[in-house]
């Protein structure tokens, strides 16, 4: 019995830790990807592959403006060109692998950034098209009074059971519903 409890406690702790780790990774994926891409750009500049740093910016721009598929195609073409124009095969293959990973990561970043921007624009448009509705003071007062009456009718101060108060509460709720329907029509 003790073993099953401790096993269950361990499984619970592991599941909780797994959720926390996955949530942390999900929330920091874009940052980690950006750091890797920036590191690869610095690597390209330090190793005198300035064309790679420029190409990675171009692939990111293509992913942002034209989409992920086209940027992936451009990434493959740039990687093939890098392999074909290299002098030493082993060094070129490693370099091409780093470049291809950089292209893939920046394509993902560009595409994700565009998606997030589209979501924000849609939220902004829906917020701008919805006009503010201000409730008049007398309506707010009437609602507050009616809700207090319903509470009193449903939960009377006395302990007597009275089905009549439930009917009155239902009538008051119906009146409130009609009030809101009239407000929506205006």
Protein backbone atom coordinates (compact mmCIF):
# COMPACT_ATOMS: atom_id res chain seq x y z
CA UNK A 1 0.00 0.00 0.00
CA UNK A 2 2.82 2.41 0.85
CA UNK A 3 4.54 1.61 -2.42
CA UNK A 4 1.45 2.39 -4.46
CA UNK A 5 0.98 5.73 -2.70
CA UNK A 6 4.58 6.73 -3.20
CA UNK A 7 4.45 5.54 -6.82
CA UNK A 8 1.30 7.57 -7.36
CA UNK A 9 2.92 10.61 -5.73
CA UNK A 10 5.98 10.25 -7.96
CA UNK A 11 3.80 9.92 -11.08
CA UNK A 12 1.80 12.98 -10.04
CA UNK A 13 4.98 14.99 -9.44
CA UNK A 14 6.44 13.89 -12.80
CA UNK A 15 3.23 14.82 -14.65
CA UNK A 16 3.19 18.22 -12.94
CA UNK A 17 6.86 18.77 -13.81
CA UNK A 18 6.25 17.68 -17.41
CA UNK A 19 3.44 20.22 -17.78
CA UNK A 20 5.62 22.98 -16.34
CA UNK A 21 8.54 22.11 -18.64
CA UNK A 22 6.36 21.93 -21.76
CA UNK A 23 4.63 25.22 -20.86
CA UNK A 24 8.04 26.88 -20.38
CA UNK A 25 9.33 25.54 -23.69
CA UNK A 26 6.17 26.64 -25.51
CA UNK A 27 6.36 30.13 -24.09
CA UNK A 28 10.07 30.56 -24.91
CA UNK A 29 10.30 28.83 -28.31
CA UNK A 30 10.34 32.02 -30.35
CA UNK A 31 13.00 33.58 -28.13
CA UNK A 32 15.21 30.49 -28.31
CA UNK A 33 14.78 30.32 -32.08
CA UNK A 34 15.70 33.98 -32.45
CA UNK A 35 18.82 33.49 -30.31
CA UNK A 36 19.90 30.51 -32.45
CA UNK A 37 19.30 32.44 -35.69
CA UNK A 38 21.21 35.44 -34.38
CA UNK A 39 24.05 33.14 -33.32
CA UNK A 40 24.15 31.60 -36.77
CA UNK A 41 24.24 35.06 -38.35
CA UNK A 42 27.15 36.04 -36.11
CA UNK A 43 28.84 32.74 -36.97
CA UNK A 44 28.37 33.51 -40.68
CA UNK A 45 29.88 36.98 -40.32
CA UNK A 46 32.81 35.74 -38.21
CA UNK A 47 33.59 32.94 -40.67
CA UNK A 48 33.42 35.39 -43.61
CA UNK A 49 30.10 34.05 -44.91
CA UNK A 50 28.52 37.48 -45.20
CA UNK A 51 26.30 36.17 -47.98
CA UNK A 52 24.77 33.75 -45.46
CA UNK A 53 23.88 36.58 -43.05
CA UNK A 54 22.26 38.51 -45.88
CA UNK A 55 20.50 35.39 -47.21
CA UNK A 56 19.08 34.52 -43.77
CA UNK A 57 17.54 37.99 -43.53
CA UNK A 58 16.11 37.53 -47.02
CA UNK A 59 14.61 34.13 -46.19
CA UNK A 60 12.99 35.59 -43.06
CA UNK A 61 11.56 38.45 -45.10
CA UNK A 62 10.21 36.03 -47.70
CA UNK A 63 8.58 33.92 -44.98
CA UNK A 64 7.00 37.02 -43.46
CA UNK A 65 5.70 38.52 -46.69
CA UNK A 66 5.12 35.63 -49.09
CA UNK A 67 4.77 32.59 -46.83
CA UNK A 68 6.62 29.62 -45.46
CA UNK A 69 6.47 27.40 -48.55
CA UNK A 70 8.30 29.82 -50.81
CA UNK A 71 10.89 30.57 -48.13
CA UNK A 72 11.51 26.84 -47.65
CA UNK A 73 12.01 26.44 -51.41
CA UNK A 74 14.46 29.35 -51.40
CA UNK A 75 16.23 27.75 -48.41
CA UNK A 76 16.72 24.50 -50.30
CA UNK A 77 18.00 26.34 -53.38
CA UNK A 78 20.43 28.43 -51.31
CA UNK A 79 21.70 25.33 -49.52
CA UNK A 80 22.27 23.47 -52.81
CA UNK A 81 24.11 26.50 -54.19
CA UNK A 82 26.26 26.59 -51.06
CA UNK A 83 27.21 22.93 -51.49
CA UNK A 84 27.90 23.30 -55.25
CA UNK A 85 30.13 26.36 -54.86
CA UNK A 86 32.19 25.02 -51.92
CA UNK A 87 35.86 24.05 -52.27
CA UNK A 88 36.31 21.47 -49.54
CA UNK A 89 33.47 18.95 -49.43
CA UNK A 90 33.52 18.19 -45.67
CA UNK A 91 33.68 21.82 -44.58
CA UNK A 92 31.07 22.81 -47.15
CA UNK A 93 28.69 20.07 -46.06
CA UNK A 94 28.91 21.18 -42.41
CA UNK A 95 28.55 24.80 -43.42
CA UNK A 96 25.57 23.97 -45.63
CA UNK A 97 23.94 22.10 -42.75
CA UNK A 98 24.34 25.12 -40.44
CA UNK A 99 23.01 27.40 -43.16
CA UNK A 100 20.02 25.16 -43.86
CA UNK A 101 19.12 24.98 -40.15
CA UNK A 102 19.38 28.77 -39.99
CA UNK A 103 17.14 29.15 -43.04
CA UNK A 104 14.54 26.78 -41.58
CA UNK A 105 14.52 28.53 -38.23
CA UNK A 106 14.25 32.03 -39.68
CA UNK A 107 11.50 30.86 -42.04
CA UNK A 108 9.57 29.57 -39.05
CA UNK A 109 10.13 32.83 -37.16
CA UNK A 110 9.04 34.98 -40.09
CA UNK A 111 5.92 32.94 -40.72
CA UNK A 112 4.94 32.80 -37.02
CA UNK A 113 5.48 36.55 -36.69
CA UNK A 114 3.18 37.18 -39.65
CA UNK A 115 0.50 34.90 -38.16
CA UNK A 116 0.68 36.67 -34.83
CA UNK A 117 0.46 40.04 -36.54
CA UNK A 118 -2.64 38.90 -38.48
CA UNK A 119 -4.31 37.75 -35.26
CA UNK A 120 -3.58 41.09 -33.60
CA UNK A 121 -4.95 42.98 -36.61
CA UNK A 122 -8.15 40.92 -36.57
CA UNK A 123 -8.59 41.57 -32.86
CA UNK A 124 -8.02 45.27 -33.43
CA UNK A 125 -10.57 45.38 -36.26
CA UNK A 126 -13.25 43.64 -34.22
CA UNK A 127 -12.57 45.95 -31.31
CA UNK A 128 -12.82 49.00 -33.56
CA UNK A 129 -16.06 47.91 -35.27
CA UNK A 130 -17.88 47.21 -32.00
CA UNK A 131 -19.36 50.41 -30.67
CA UNK A 132 -19.45 51.03 -26.98
CA UNK A 133 -22.76 50.56 -25.24
CA UNK A 134 -23.44 52.62 -22.17
CA UNK A 135 -26.22 51.55 -19.87
CA UNK A 136 -28.38 54.37 -18.53
CA UNK A 137 -28.34 54.88 -14.77
CA UNK A 138 -32.04 54.10 -14.30
CA UNK A 139 -31.63 50.76 -16.09
CA UNK A 140 -28.66 49.83 -13.93
CA UNK A 141 -30.61 50.79 -10.82
CA UNK A 142 -33.63 48.78 -11.97
CA UNK A 143 -31.46 45.71 -12.59
CA UNK A 144 -29.79 45.97 -9.19
CA UNK A 145 -33.18 46.34 -7.46
CA UNK A 146 -34.66 43.42 -9.40
CA UNK A 147 -31.76 41.15 -8.59
CA UNK A 148 -32.08 42.01 -4.90
CA UNK A 149 -35.80 41.24 -5.10
CA UNK A 150 -35.14 37.90 -6.78
CA UNK A 151 -32.61 37.01 -4.10
CA UNK A 152 -35.10 37.93 -1.40
CA UNK A 153 -37.87 35.92 -3.07
CA UNK A 154 -35.72 32.85 -3.61
CA UNK A 155 -34.02 33.00 -0.21
CA UNK A 156 -36.50 34.58 2.21
CA UNK A 157 -35.35 35.69 5.62
CA UNK A 158 -38.06 33.57 7.26
CA UNK A 159 -37.78 29.79 7.24
CA UNK A 160 -41.23 29.17 5.78
CA UNK A 161 -41.56 27.25 2.54
CA UNK A 162 -43.53 29.20 -0.02
CA UNK A 163 -43.79 28.21 -3.68
CA UNK A 164 -45.46 31.51 -4.44
CA UNK A 165 -42.14 33.36 -3.96
CA UNK A 166 -40.49 31.18 -6.61
CA UNK A 167 -43.19 32.19 -9.12
CA UNK A 168 -42.66 35.84 -8.25
CA UNK A 169 -38.92 35.42 -8.72
CA UNK A 170 -39.48 33.84 -12.15
CA UNK A 171 -41.76 36.73 -13.14
CA UNK A 172 -39.12 39.25 -12.05
CA UNK A 173 -36.42 37.41 -14.02
CA UNK A 174 -38.69 37.41 -17.09
CA UNK A 175 -39.17 41.15 -16.70
CA UNK A 176 -35.39 41.63 -16.55
CA UNK A 177 -34.95 39.51 -19.67
CA UNK A 178 -37.49 41.64 -21.55
CA UNK A 179 -35.68 44.77 -20.38
CA UNK A 180 -32.42 43.51 -21.86
CA UNK A 181 -34.15 42.49 -25.10
CA UNK A 182 -35.52 46.02 -25.44
CA UNK A 183 -32.02 47.43 -24.86
CA UNK A 184 -30.57 45.18 -27.58
CA UNK A 185 -33.14 46.41 -30.10
CA UNK A 186 -32.07 50.05 -29.59
